[in-house]
Amino acid sequence: MLNLVHLKVLAAVARHGSVTEAARELHYSQPSVSHHLARLEAATGAKLIQRVGRGIRLTPEGRLLAHRAAEIVGRVDAATNELAAQVGLHAGHVRLAANASTLSTIVPAAAAALAEAYPGIELSPTERHPVEALQMLRHGEVDVALVFEYADAPVEEEGVRLLHIGDDSLNLLSRQPGDRLTNHRASAWIGGCDRCEAELRAACRHEGFTPRITAHSDDIVVVQSLVAAGIGVATQPGLALRAHHRPDVHATEIPGCRRRINAATYGNPPDPPAVACVLAALTEAAAAPE
């Protein structure tokens, strides 16, 4: 019979790759962590941990169970938060994952509004790319994921519900005001994450050329610094420019290139009251003027 405490210990060991760090996170002693792992191995009849020098590593069976353990523990934590929110109505702990541009613009505004209206709600944001945020949502590690999607590549995840909270523009970054994509057919370009580069390539393809990408960064500040230094031109969403905009870098909105910003939750409706309050605050923050 699998024990939830044993699974939580295995998930922590897998996350940190260390008994010592797992013990520190869980506030257990190292012998206690080792004891729980031994009990779990006895219960499953499988070798889950191997000693390697002074460290440890998971066996294939250990990795398999650790992955499921993280999902199970995450779901139990989510259920606990939902129950607490249901009992306390506008109280509870809501975990949120978002990418840098939304985490530095929409989320702080929503958090401030929440703190004023519902001081009993604790919002815990963490920075993650949309793909990672959705994975955390599926595993029960977060309650809300802020993600973006494009018209030609909608987010389709079984069990995931999307609330459209706003749209975002795509902008050309260069050192010339009023610039256009077609002026940079032969220019060097600065790319970002896979989805951002796909968006860049699609915009350029619409203008009849393929961008020559010679540098890569997904950091808002770094990209603008490279553009300012003449390393290349780039694209960035409007929310990124709200978060940081160098005065020596000019941004020109690219017509017809917009992406949807969605707040994703998992499971059947309705959302727990605390999550519903967070979603309402995010929607209001996204709609607020700059």
C-alpha atoms as a PDB file:
ATOM      1  CA  MET A   1       0.000   0.000   0.000  1.00  0.00           C
ATOM      2  CA  LEU A   2       1.516   3.321  -1.088  1.00  0.00           C
ATOM      3  CA  ASN A   3       1.812   5.963   1.591  1.00  0.00           C
ATOM      4  CA  LEU A   4       1.379   9.653   0.732  1.00  0.00           C
ATOM      5  CA  VAL A   5       4.235  10.707   3.034  1.00  0.00           C
ATOM      6  CA  HIS A   6       6.573   8.220   1.363  1.00  0.00           C
ATOM      7  CA  LEU A   7       5.551   9.526  -2.071  1.00  0.00           C
ATOM      8  CA  LYS A   8       6.141  13.116  -0.963  1.00  0.00           C
ATOM      9  CA  VAL A   9       9.642  12.161   0.195  1.00  0.00           C
ATOM     10  CA  LEU A  10      10.429  10.416  -3.105  1.00  0.00           C
ATOM     11  CA  ALA A  11       9.159  13.424  -5.090  1.00  0.00           C
ATOM     12  CA  ALA A  12      11.380  15.758  -3.053  1.00  0.00           C
ATOM     13  CA  VAL A  13      14.444  13.537  -3.517  1.00  0.00           C
ATOM     14  CA  ALA A  14      13.800  13.400  -7.269  1.00  0.00           C
ATOM     15  CA  ARG A  15      13.334  17.166  -7.424  1.00  0.00           C
ATOM     16  CA  HIS A  16      16.593  17.932  -5.639  1.00  0.00           C
ATOM     17  CA  GLY A  17      18.657  14.861  -6.520  1.00  0.00           C
ATOM     18  CA  SER A  18      19.801  14.828  -2.919  1.00  0.00           C
ATOM     19  CA  VAL A  19      18.626  13.298   0.357  1.00  0.00           C
ATOM     20  CA  THR A  20      20.120  16.241   2.233  1.00  0.00           C
ATOM     21  CA  GLU A  21      18.240  18.861   0.210  1.00  0.00           C
ATOM     22  CA  ALA A  22      15.014  16.852   0.359  1.00  0.00           C
ATOM     23  CA  ALA A  23      15.332  16.647   4.133  1.00  0.00           C
ATOM     24  CA  ARG A  24      15.899  20.401   4.333  1.00  0.00           C
ATOM     25  CA  GLU A  25      12.800  21.144   2.216  1.00  0.00           C
ATOM     26  CA  LEU A  26      10.571  18.752   4.168  1.00  0.00           C
ATOM     27  CA  HIS A  27      12.046  19.701   7.567  1.00  0.00           C
ATOM     28  CA  TYR A  28      12.967  16.052   8.191  1.00  0.00           C
ATOM     29  CA  SER A  29      16.221  14.565   9.366  1.00  0.00           C
ATOM     30  CA  GLN A  30      18.327  12.741   6.769  1.00  0.00           C
ATOM     31  CA  PRO A  31      17.828   9.372   8.529  1.00  0.00           C
ATOM     32  CA  SER A  32      14.077   9.990   8.441  1.00  0.00           C
ATOM     33  CA  VAL A  33      14.158  10.568   4.675  1.00  0.00           C
ATOM     34  CA  SER A  34      16.215   7.399   4.189  1.00  0.00           C
ATOM     35  CA  HIS A  35      13.753   5.488   6.380  1.00  0.00           C
ATOM     36  CA  HIS A  36      10.761   6.637   4.310  1.00  0.00           C
ATOM     37  CA  LEU A  37      12.525   5.665   1.088  1.00  0.00           C
ATOM     38  CA  ALA A  38      13.324   2.213   2.495  1.00  0.00           C
ATOM     39  CA  ARG A  39       9.686   1.756   3.534  1.00  0.00           C
ATOM     40  CA  LEU A  40       8.557   2.765   0.051  1.00  0.00           C
ATOM     41  CA  GLU A  41      10.915   0.271  -1.555  1.00  0.00           C
ATOM     42  CA  ALA A  42       9.583  -2.433   0.749  1.00  0.00           C
ATOM     43  CA  ALA A  43       5.992  -1.538  -0.127  1.00  0.00           C
ATOM     44  CA  THR A  44       6.612  -1.566  -3.886  1.00  0.00           C
ATOM     45  CA  GLY A  45       9.105  -4.412  -4.022  1.00  0.00           C
ATOM     46  CA  ALA A  46      11.265  -2.303  -6.329  1.00  0.00           C
ATOM     47  CA  LYS A  47      14.704  -0.756  -6.008  1.00  0.00           C
ATOM     48  CA  LEU A  48      14.075   2.991  -6.309  1.00  0.00           C
ATOM     49  CA  ILE A  49      17.381   4.582  -5.231  1.00  0.00           C
ATOM     50  CA  GLN A  50      20.997   3.781  -6.101  1.00  0.00           C
ATOM     51  CA  ARG A  51      24.033   5.019  -4.201  1.00  0.00           C
ATOM     52  CA  VAL A  52      26.596   6.708  -6.470  1.00  0.00           C
ATOM     53  CA  GLY A  53      29.727   7.748  -4.596  1.00  0.00           C
ATOM     54  CA  ARG A  54      28.517  10.119  -1.904  1.00  0.00           C
ATOM     55  CA  GLY A  55      25.315  10.889  -3.755  1.00  0.00           C
ATOM     56  CA  ILE A  56      22.247   9.061  -5.009  1.00  0.00           C
ATOM     57  CA  ARG A  57      20.339   8.632  -8.224  1.00  0.00           C
ATOM     58  CA  LEU A  58      16.961   7.200  -9.057  1.00  0.00           C
ATOM     59  CA  THR A  59      16.609   3.884 -10.847  1.00  0.00           C
ATOM     60  CA  PRO A  60      14.279   3.740 -13.885  1.00  0.00           C
ATOM     61  CA  GLU A  61      11.596   2.420 -11.528  1.00  0.00           C
ATOM     62  CA  GLY A  62      12.344   5.262  -9.135  1.00  0.00           C
ATOM     63  CA  ARG A  63      12.039   7.872 -11.875  1.00  0.00           C
ATOM     64  CA  LEU A  64       8.716   6.433 -13.006  1.00  0.00           C
ATOM     65  CA  LEU A  65       7.252   6.404  -9.512  1.00  0.00           C
ATOM     66  CA  ALA A  66       8.733   9.832  -8.683  1.00  0.00           C
ATOM     67  CA  HIS A  67       6.984  11.360 -11.710  1.00  0.00           C
ATOM     68  CA  ARG A  68       3.649   9.923 -10.608  1.00  0.00           C
ATOM     69  CA  ALA A  69       4.367  10.833  -6.997  1.00  0.00           C
ATOM     70  CA  ALA A  70       4.847  14.503  -7.917  1.00  0.00           C
ATOM     71  CA  GLU A  71       1.524  14.468  -9.744  1.00  0.00           C
ATOM     72  CA  ILE A  72      -0.292  12.740  -6.863  1.00  0.00           C
ATOM     73  CA  VAL A  73       1.176  15.044  -4.213  1.00  0.00           C
ATOM     74  CA  GLY A  74       0.379  18.072  -6.350  1.00  0.00           C
ATOM     75  CA  ARG A  75      -3.233  16.978  -6.750  1.00  0.00           C
ATOM     76  CA  VAL A  76      -3.610  16.346  -3.013  1.00  0.00           C
ATOM     77  CA  ASP A  77      -2.178  19.805  -2.263  1.00  0.00           C
ATOM     78  CA  ALA A  78      -4.544  21.341  -4.807  1.00  0.00           C
ATOM     79  CA  ALA A  79      -7.517  19.517  -3.245  1.00  0.00           C
ATOM     80  CA  THR A  80      -6.465  20.726   0.195  1.00  0.00           C
ATOM     81  CA  ASN A  81      -6.294  24.312  -1.049  1.00  0.00           C
ATOM     82  CA  GLU A  82      -9.661  23.985  -2.784  1.00  0.00           C
ATOM     83  CA  LEU A  83     -11.295  22.657   0.367  1.00  0.00           C
ATOM     84  CA  ALA A  84      -9.729  25.400   2.467  1.00  0.00           C
ATOM     85  CA  ALA A  85     -10.947  27.980  -0.025  1.00  0.00           C
ATOM     86  CA  GLN A  86     -14.451  26.466  -0.052  1.00  0.00           C
ATOM     87  CA  VAL A  87     -14.648  26.510   3.717  1.00  0.00           C
ATOM     88  CA  GLY A  88     -13.109  29.957   4.043  1.00  0.00           C
ATOM     89  CA  LEU A  89     -14.734  31.315   0.862  1.00  0.00           C
ATOM     90  CA  HIS A  90     -12.423  34.218  -0.009  1.00  0.00           C
ATOM     91  CA  ALA A  91      -9.412  32.723   1.706  1.00  0.00           C
ATOM     92  CA  GLY A  92      -6.822  30.251   0.566  1.00  0.00           C
ATOM     93  CA  HIS A  93      -3.502  29.762  -1.173  1.00  0.00           C
ATOM     94  CA  VAL A  94      -3.402  30.073  -4.976  1.00  0.00           C
ATOM     95  CA  ARG A  95      -0.265  29.052  -6.888  1.00  0.00           C
ATOM     96  CA  LEU A  96       0.275  30.717 -10.251  1.00  0.00           C
ATOM     97  CA  ALA A  97       2.810  30.211 -13.057  1.00  0.00           C
ATOM     98  CA  ALA A  98       3.402  32.887 -15.714  1.00  0.00           C
ATOM     99  CA  ASN A  99       6.065  33.981 -18.177  1.00  0.00           C
ATOM    100  CA  ALA A 100       8.232  37.052 -17.573  1.00  0.00           C
ATOM    101  CA  SER A 101       6.152  39.599 -19.487  1.00  0.00           C
ATOM    102  CA  THR A 102       2.880  38.781 -17.716  1.00  0.00           C
ATOM    103  CA  LEU A 103       4.609  38.208 -14.379  1.00  0.00           C
ATOM    104  CA  SER A 104       6.049  41.732 -14.482  1.00  0.00           C
ATOM    105  CA  THR A 105       2.871  43.528 -15.630  1.00  0.00           C
ATOM    106  CA  ILE A 106      -0.510  41.821 -15.197  1.00  0.00           C
ATOM    107  CA  VAL A 107       0.308  39.701 -12.142  1.00  0.00           C
ATOM    108  CA  PRO A 108       1.615  42.504  -9.846  1.00  0.00           C
ATOM    109  CA  ALA A 109      -1.464  44.628 -10.597  1.00  0.00           C
ATOM    110  CA  ALA A 110      -3.747  41.670  -9.883  1.00  0.00           C
ATOM    111  CA  ALA A 111      -1.844  40.829  -6.690  1.00  0.00           C
ATOM    112  CA  ALA A 112      -2.207  44.383  -5.405  1.00  0.00           C
ATOM    113  CA  ALA A 113      -5.961  44.358  -6.078  1.00  0.00           C
ATOM    114  CA  LEU A 114      -6.317  40.974  -4.374  1.00  0.00           C
ATOM    115  CA  ALA A 115      -4.408  42.090  -1.294  1.00  0.00           C
ATOM    116  CA  GLU A 116      -6.785  45.008  -0.887  1.00  0.00           C
ATOM    117  CA  ALA A 117     -10.043  43.198  -1.627  1.00  0.00           C
ATOM    118  CA  TYR A 118      -9.291  39.726  -0.215  1.00  0.00           C
ATOM    119  CA  PRO A 119      -6.439  39.838   2.320  1.00  0.00           C
ATOM    120  CA  GLY A 120      -7.123  36.193   3.182  1.00  0.00           C
ATOM    121  CA  ILE A 121      -5.961  35.012  -0.249  1.00  0.00           C
ATOM    122  CA  GLU A 122      -2.254  34.225  -0.542  1.00  0.00           C
ATOM    123  CA  LEU A 123      -0.979  34.378  -4.128  1.00  0.00           C
ATOM    124  CA  SER A 124       2.274  32.523  -4.872  1.00  0.00           C
ATOM    125  CA  PRO A 125       3.566  33.371  -8.386  1.00  0.00           C
ATOM    126  CA  THR A 126       6.479  31.678 -10.113  1.00  0.00           C
ATOM    127  CA  GLU A 127       8.107  32.371 -13.483  1.00  0.00           C
ATOM    128  CA  ARG A 128       7.695  29.673 -16.102  1.00  0.00           C
ATOM    129  CA  HIS A 129       7.414  29.510 -19.888  1.00  0.00           C
ATOM    130  CA  PRO A 130       3.820  28.706 -20.988  1.00  0.00           C
ATOM    131  CA  VAL A 131       4.737  25.128 -21.945  1.00  0.00           C
ATOM    132  CA  GLU A 132       6.252  24.506 -18.504  1.00  0.00           C
ATOM    133  CA  ALA A 133       3.364  26.340 -16.814  1.00  0.00           C
ATOM    134  CA  LEU A 134       0.827  24.014 -18.441  1.00  0.00           C
ATOM    135  CA  GLN A 135       2.858  20.995 -17.377  1.00  0.00           C
ATOM    136  CA  MET A 136       2.888  22.252 -13.789  1.00  0.00           C
ATOM    137  CA  LEU A 137      -0.877  22.778 -14.007  1.00  0.00           C
ATOM    138  CA  ARG A 138      -1.442  19.197 -15.189  1.00  0.00           C
ATOM    139  CA  HIS A 139       0.734  17.866 -12.372  1.00  0.00           C
ATOM    140  CA  GLY A 140      -1.133  19.876  -9.751  1.00  0.00           C
ATOM    141  CA  GLU A 141       1.913  22.004  -8.912  1.00  0.00           C
ATOM    142  CA  VAL A 142       0.036  25.254  -9.651  1.00  0.00           C
ATOM    143  CA  ASP A 143      -3.635  26.243  -9.650  1.00  0.00           C
ATOM    144  CA  VAL A 144      -3.501  28.825 -12.460  1.00  0.00           C
ATOM    145  CA  ALA A 145      -1.197  29.120 -15.490  1.00  0.00           C
ATOM    146  CA  LEU A 146      -0.985  32.289 -17.548  1.00  0.00           C
ATOM    147  CA  VAL A 147      -0.268  31.255 -21.134  1.00  0.00           C
ATOM    148  CA  PHE A 148      -0.341  32.810 -24.582  1.00  0.00           C
ATOM    149  CA  GLU A 149      -1.547  31.318 -27.834  1.00  0.00           C
ATOM    150  CA  TYR A 150      -1.529  32.296 -31.478  1.00  0.00           C
ATOM    151  CA  ALA A 151      -4.445  32.166 -33.901  1.00  0.00           C
ATOM    152  CA  ASP A 152      -2.744  29.434 -35.952  1.00  0.00           C
ATOM    153  CA  ALA A 153      -1.618  27.410 -32.930  1.00  0.00           C
ATOM    154  CA  PRO A 154      -4.322  27.334 -30.240  1.00  0.00           C
ATOM    155  CA  VAL A 155      -3.674  25.706 -26.879  1.00  0.00           C
ATOM    156  CA  GLU A 156      -5.429  22.334 -26.776  1.00  0.00           C
ATOM    157  CA  GLU A 157      -4.908  20.440 -23.532  1.00  0.00           C
ATOM    158  CA  GLU A 158      -7.292  17.776 -22.265  1.00  0.00           C
ATOM    159  CA  GLY A 159      -8.822  18.824 -18.958  1.00  0.00           C
ATOM    160  CA  VAL A 160      -7.482  22.400 -19.234  1.00  0.00           C
ATOM    161  CA  ARG A 161      -9.979  25.275 -19.273  1.00  0.00           C
ATOM    162  CA  LEU A 162      -8.903  28.609 -20.768  1.00  0.00           C
ATOM    163  CA  LEU A 163     -10.201  32.025 -19.749  1.00  0.00           C
ATOM    164  CA  HIS A 164      -9.325  34.708 -22.291  1.00  0.00           C
ATOM    165  CA  ILE A 165      -8.171  37.737 -20.296  1.00  0.00           C
ATOM    166  CA  GLY A 166      -6.717  39.906 -23.061  1.00  0.00           C
ATOM    167  CA  ASP A 167      -4.651  40.253 -26.225  1.00  0.00           C
ATOM    168  CA  ASP A 168      -1.064  41.341 -26.762  1.00  0.00           C
ATOM    169  CA  SER A 169       0.653  42.982 -29.722  1.00  0.00           C
ATOM    170  CA  LEU A 170       3.881  41.999 -31.459  1.00  0.00           C
ATOM    171  CA  ASN A 171       6.408  44.761 -32.058  1.00  0.00           C
ATOM    172  CA  LEU A 172       9.513  45.210 -34.189  1.00  0.00           C
ATOM    173  CA  LEU A 173      12.504  46.432 -32.162  1.00  0.00           C
ATOM    174  CA  SER A 174      15.177  48.426 -33.968  1.00  0.00           C
ATOM    175  CA  ARG A 175      17.171  51.634 -33.676  1.00  0.00           C
ATOM    176  CA  GLN A 176      14.982  53.471 -36.227  1.00  0.00           C
ATOM    177  CA  PRO A 177      11.580  55.018 -35.383  1.00  0.00           C
ATOM    178  CA  GLY A 178       8.648  53.938 -37.550  1.00  0.00           C
ATOM    179  CA  ASP A 179      10.580  50.953 -38.872  1.00  0.00           C
ATOM    180  CA  ARG A 180       9.054  48.078 -40.889  1.00  0.00           C
ATOM    181  CA  LEU A 181       9.732  44.354 -41.213  1.00  0.00           C
ATOM    182  CA  THR A 182      10.445  44.689 -44.929  1.00  0.00           C
ATOM    183  CA  ASN A 183      13.355  47.006 -44.172  1.00  0.00           C
ATOM    184  CA  HIS A 184      15.174  44.099 -42.549  1.00  0.00           C
ATOM    185  CA  ARG A 185      15.130  41.336 -45.142  1.00  0.00           C
ATOM    186  CA  ALA A 186      18.944  41.153 -44.993  1.00  0.00           C
ATOM    187  CA  SER A 187      19.398  42.136 -41.335  1.00  0.00           C
ATOM    188  CA  ALA A 188      20.612  39.946 -38.518  1.00  0.00           C
ATOM    189  CA  TRP A 189      17.804  38.957 -36.132  1.00  0.00           C
ATOM    190  CA  ILE A 190      17.693  38.059 -32.452  1.00  0.00           C
ATOM    191  CA  GLY A 191      15.531  35.032 -31.718  1.00  0.00           C
ATOM    192  CA  GLY A 192      14.048  33.772 -28.463  1.00  0.00           C
ATOM    193  CA  CYS A 193      12.201  30.643 -27.318  1.00  0.00           C
ATOM    194  CA  ASP A 194      10.896  28.138 -29.879  1.00  0.00           C
ATOM    195  CA  ARG A 195       7.357  29.545 -29.876  1.00  0.00           C
ATOM    196  CA  CYS A 196       8.602  33.143 -30.068  1.00  0.00           C
ATOM    197  CA  GLU A 197      10.869  32.291 -32.997  1.00  0.00           C
ATOM    198  CA  ALA A 198       7.979  30.556 -34.732  1.00  0.00           C
ATOM    199  CA  GLU A 199       5.958  33.748 -34.292  1.00  0.00           C
ATOM    200  CA  LEU A 200       8.859  35.824 -35.703  1.00  0.00           C
ATOM    201  CA  ARG A 201       9.298  33.522 -38.707  1.00  0.00           C
ATOM    202  CA  ALA A 202       5.560  33.602 -39.439  1.00  0.00           C
ATOM    203  CA  ALA A 203       5.496  37.420 -39.399  1.00  0.00           C
ATOM    204  CA  CYS A 204       8.493  37.626 -41.750  1.00  0.00           C
ATOM    205  CA  ARG A 205       7.130  34.903 -44.000  1.00  0.00           C
ATOM    206  CA  HIS A 206       3.976  36.976 -44.398  1.00  0.00           C
ATOM    207  CA  GLU A 207       6.233  39.737 -45.790  1.00  0.00           C
ATOM    208  CA  GLY A 208       7.972  37.350 -48.177  1.00  0.00           C
ATOM    209  CA  PHE A 209      11.309  36.605 -46.506  1.00  0.00           C
ATOM    210  CA  THR A 210      13.009  34.340 -43.957  1.00  0.00           C
ATOM    211  CA  PRO A 211      14.781  36.054 -41.032  1.00  0.00           C
ATOM    212  CA  ARG A 212      18.498  35.402 -40.586  1.00  0.00           C
ATOM    213  CA  ILE A 213      18.654  34.627 -36.865  1.00  0.00           C
ATOM    214  CA  THR A 214      22.200  35.047 -35.528  1.00  0.00           C
ATOM    215  CA  ALA A 215      21.630  35.504 -31.789  1.00  0.00           C
ATOM    216  CA  HIS A 216      19.250  34.091 -29.189  1.00  0.00           C
ATOM    217  CA  SER A 217      17.871  35.303 -25.870  1.00  0.00           C
ATOM    218  CA  ASP A 218      14.519  35.033 -24.118  1.00  0.00           C
ATOM    219  CA  ASP A 219      15.402  37.810 -21.655  1.00  0.00           C
ATOM    220  CA  ILE A 220      13.565  41.112 -22.203  1.00  0.00           C
ATOM    221  CA  VAL A 221      16.456  43.275 -21.027  1.00  0.00           C
ATOM    222  CA  VAL A 222      19.132  41.331 -22.924  1.00  0.00           C
ATOM    223  CA  VAL A 223      17.239  41.457 -26.226  1.00  0.00           C
ATOM    224  CA  GLN A 224      16.780  45.224 -26.035  1.00  0.00           C
ATOM    225  CA  SER A 225      20.430  45.701 -25.083  1.00  0.00           C
ATOM    226  CA  LEU A 226      21.531  43.671 -28.119  1.00  0.00           C
ATOM    227  CA  VAL A 227      19.262  45.714 -30.390  1.00  0.00           C
ATOM    228  CA  ALA A 228      20.624  48.958 -28.925  1.00  0.00           C
ATOM    229  CA  ALA A 229      24.180  47.726 -29.564  1.00  0.00           C
ATOM    230  CA  GLY A 230      23.393  47.056 -33.228  1.00  0.00           C
ATOM    231  CA  ILE A 231      23.747  43.273 -32.934  1.00  0.00           C
ATOM    232  CA  GLY A 232      20.438  42.796 -34.733  1.00  0.00           C
ATOM    233  CA  VAL A 233      16.733  43.551 -34.745  1.00  0.00           C
ATOM    234  CA  ALA A 234      14.086  41.607 -32.852  1.00  0.00           C
ATOM    235  CA  THR A 235      10.429  41.325 -31.942  1.00  0.00           C
ATOM    236  CA  GLN A 236       8.868  41.600 -28.495  1.00  0.00           C
ATOM    237  CA  PRO A 237       5.276  41.561 -27.239  1.00  0.00           C
ATOM    238  CA  GLY A 238       3.631  44.711 -25.928  1.00  0.00           C
ATOM    239  CA  LEU A 239       3.575  43.433 -22.338  1.00  0.00           C
ATOM    240  CA  ALA A 240       7.360  42.972 -22.424  1.00  0.00           C
ATOM    241  CA  LEU A 241       7.707  46.608 -23.482  1.00  0.00           C
ATOM    242  CA  ARG A 242       5.426  47.685 -20.635  1.00  0.00           C
ATOM    243  CA  ALA A 243       7.788  45.919 -18.258  1.00  0.00           C
ATOM    244  CA  HIS A 244      11.001  47.334 -19.762  1.00  0.00           C
ATOM    245  CA  HIS A 245      11.639  49.697 -22.671  1.00  0.00           C
ATOM    246  CA  ARG A 246      15.008  51.270 -23.372  1.00  0.00           C
ATOM    247  CA  PRO A 247      14.721  54.835 -24.696  1.00  0.00           C
ATOM    248  CA  ASP A 248      17.274  54.119 -27.452  1.00  0.00           C
ATOM    249  CA  VAL A 249      15.273  51.182 -28.826  1.00  0.00           C
ATOM    250  CA  HIS A 250      12.255  51.966 -30.992  1.00  0.00           C
ATOM    251  CA  ALA A 251       9.211  49.683 -31.060  1.00  0.00           C
ATOM    252  CA  THR A 252       6.810  49.551 -34.010  1.00  0.00           C
ATOM    253  CA  GLU A 253       3.675  47.409 -33.766  1.00  0.00           C
ATOM    254  CA  ILE A 254       3.428  44.797 -36.518  1.00  0.00           C
ATOM    255  CA  PRO A 255      -0.082  44.889 -38.021  1.00  0.00           C
ATOM    256  CA  GLY A 256      -2.111  41.697 -37.804  1.00  0.00           C
ATOM    257  CA  CYS A 257       0.201  39.987 -35.302  1.00  0.00           C
ATOM    258  CA  ARG A 258      -1.508  39.523 -31.958  1.00  0.00           C
ATOM    259  CA  ARG A 259      -1.609  36.737 -29.424  1.00  0.00           C
ATOM    260  CA  ARG A 260      -4.242  35.784 -26.870  1.00  0.00           C
ATOM    261  CA  ILE A 261      -3.424  35.811 -23.161  1.00  0.00           C
ATOM    262  CA  ASN A 262      -5.298  33.061 -21.308  1.00  0.00           C
ATOM    263  CA  ALA A 263      -5.587  32.054 -17.679  1.00  0.00           C
ATOM    264  CA  ALA A 264      -5.647  28.248 -17.606  1.00  0.00           C
ATOM    265  CA  THR A 265      -7.147  26.103 -14.849  1.00  0.00           C
ATOM    266  CA  TYR A 266      -7.487  22.337 -14.625  1.00  0.00           C
ATOM    267  CA  GLY A 267     -10.486  20.102 -14.053  1.00  0.00           C
ATOM    268  CA  ASN A 268     -14.211  20.546 -14.079  1.00  0.00           C
ATOM    269  CA  PRO A 269     -15.907  23.835 -13.156  1.00  0.00           C
ATOM    270  CA  PRO A 270     -16.592  25.653 -10.987  1.00  0.00           C
ATOM    271  CA  ASP A 271     -13.228  26.979  -9.823  1.00  0.00           C
ATOM    272  CA  PRO A 272     -12.671  27.218  -6.063  1.00  0.00           C
ATOM    273  CA  PRO A 273     -13.670  30.667  -4.721  1.00  0.00           C
ATOM    274  CA  ALA A 274     -10.085  31.786  -4.126  1.00  0.00           C
ATOM    275  CA  VAL A 275      -9.073  30.767  -7.666  1.00  0.00           C
ATOM    276  CA  ALA A 276     -12.151  32.527  -9.062  1.00  0.00           C
ATOM    277  CA  CYS A 277     -11.091  35.713  -7.256  1.00  0.00           C
ATOM    278  CA  VAL A 278      -7.598  35.446  -8.749  1.00  0.00           C
ATOM    279  CA  LEU A 279      -9.026  34.954 -12.245  1.00  0.00           C
ATOM    280  CA  ALA A 280     -11.255  38.003 -11.836  1.00  0.00           C
ATOM    281  CA  ALA A 281      -8.313  40.098 -10.633  1.00  0.00           C
ATOM    282  CA  LEU A 282      -6.155  38.955 -13.584  1.00  0.00           C
ATOM    283  CA  THR A 283      -8.911  39.817 -16.063  1.00  0.00           C
ATOM    284  CA  GLU A 284      -9.331  43.272 -14.559  1.00  0.00           C
ATOM    285  CA  ALA A 285      -5.583  43.900 -14.489  1.00  0.00           C
ATOM    286  CA  ALA A 286      -5.206  42.844 -18.129  1.00  0.00           C
ATOM    287  CA  ALA A 287      -7.977  45.213 -19.185  1.00  0.00           C
ATOM    288  CA  ALA A 288      -6.578  48.204 -17.273  1.00  0.00           C
ATOM    289  CA  PRO A 289      -5.012  50.983 -19.395  1.00  0.00           C
ATOM    290  CA  GLU A 290      -1.231  51.170 -19.448  1.00  0.00           C
END
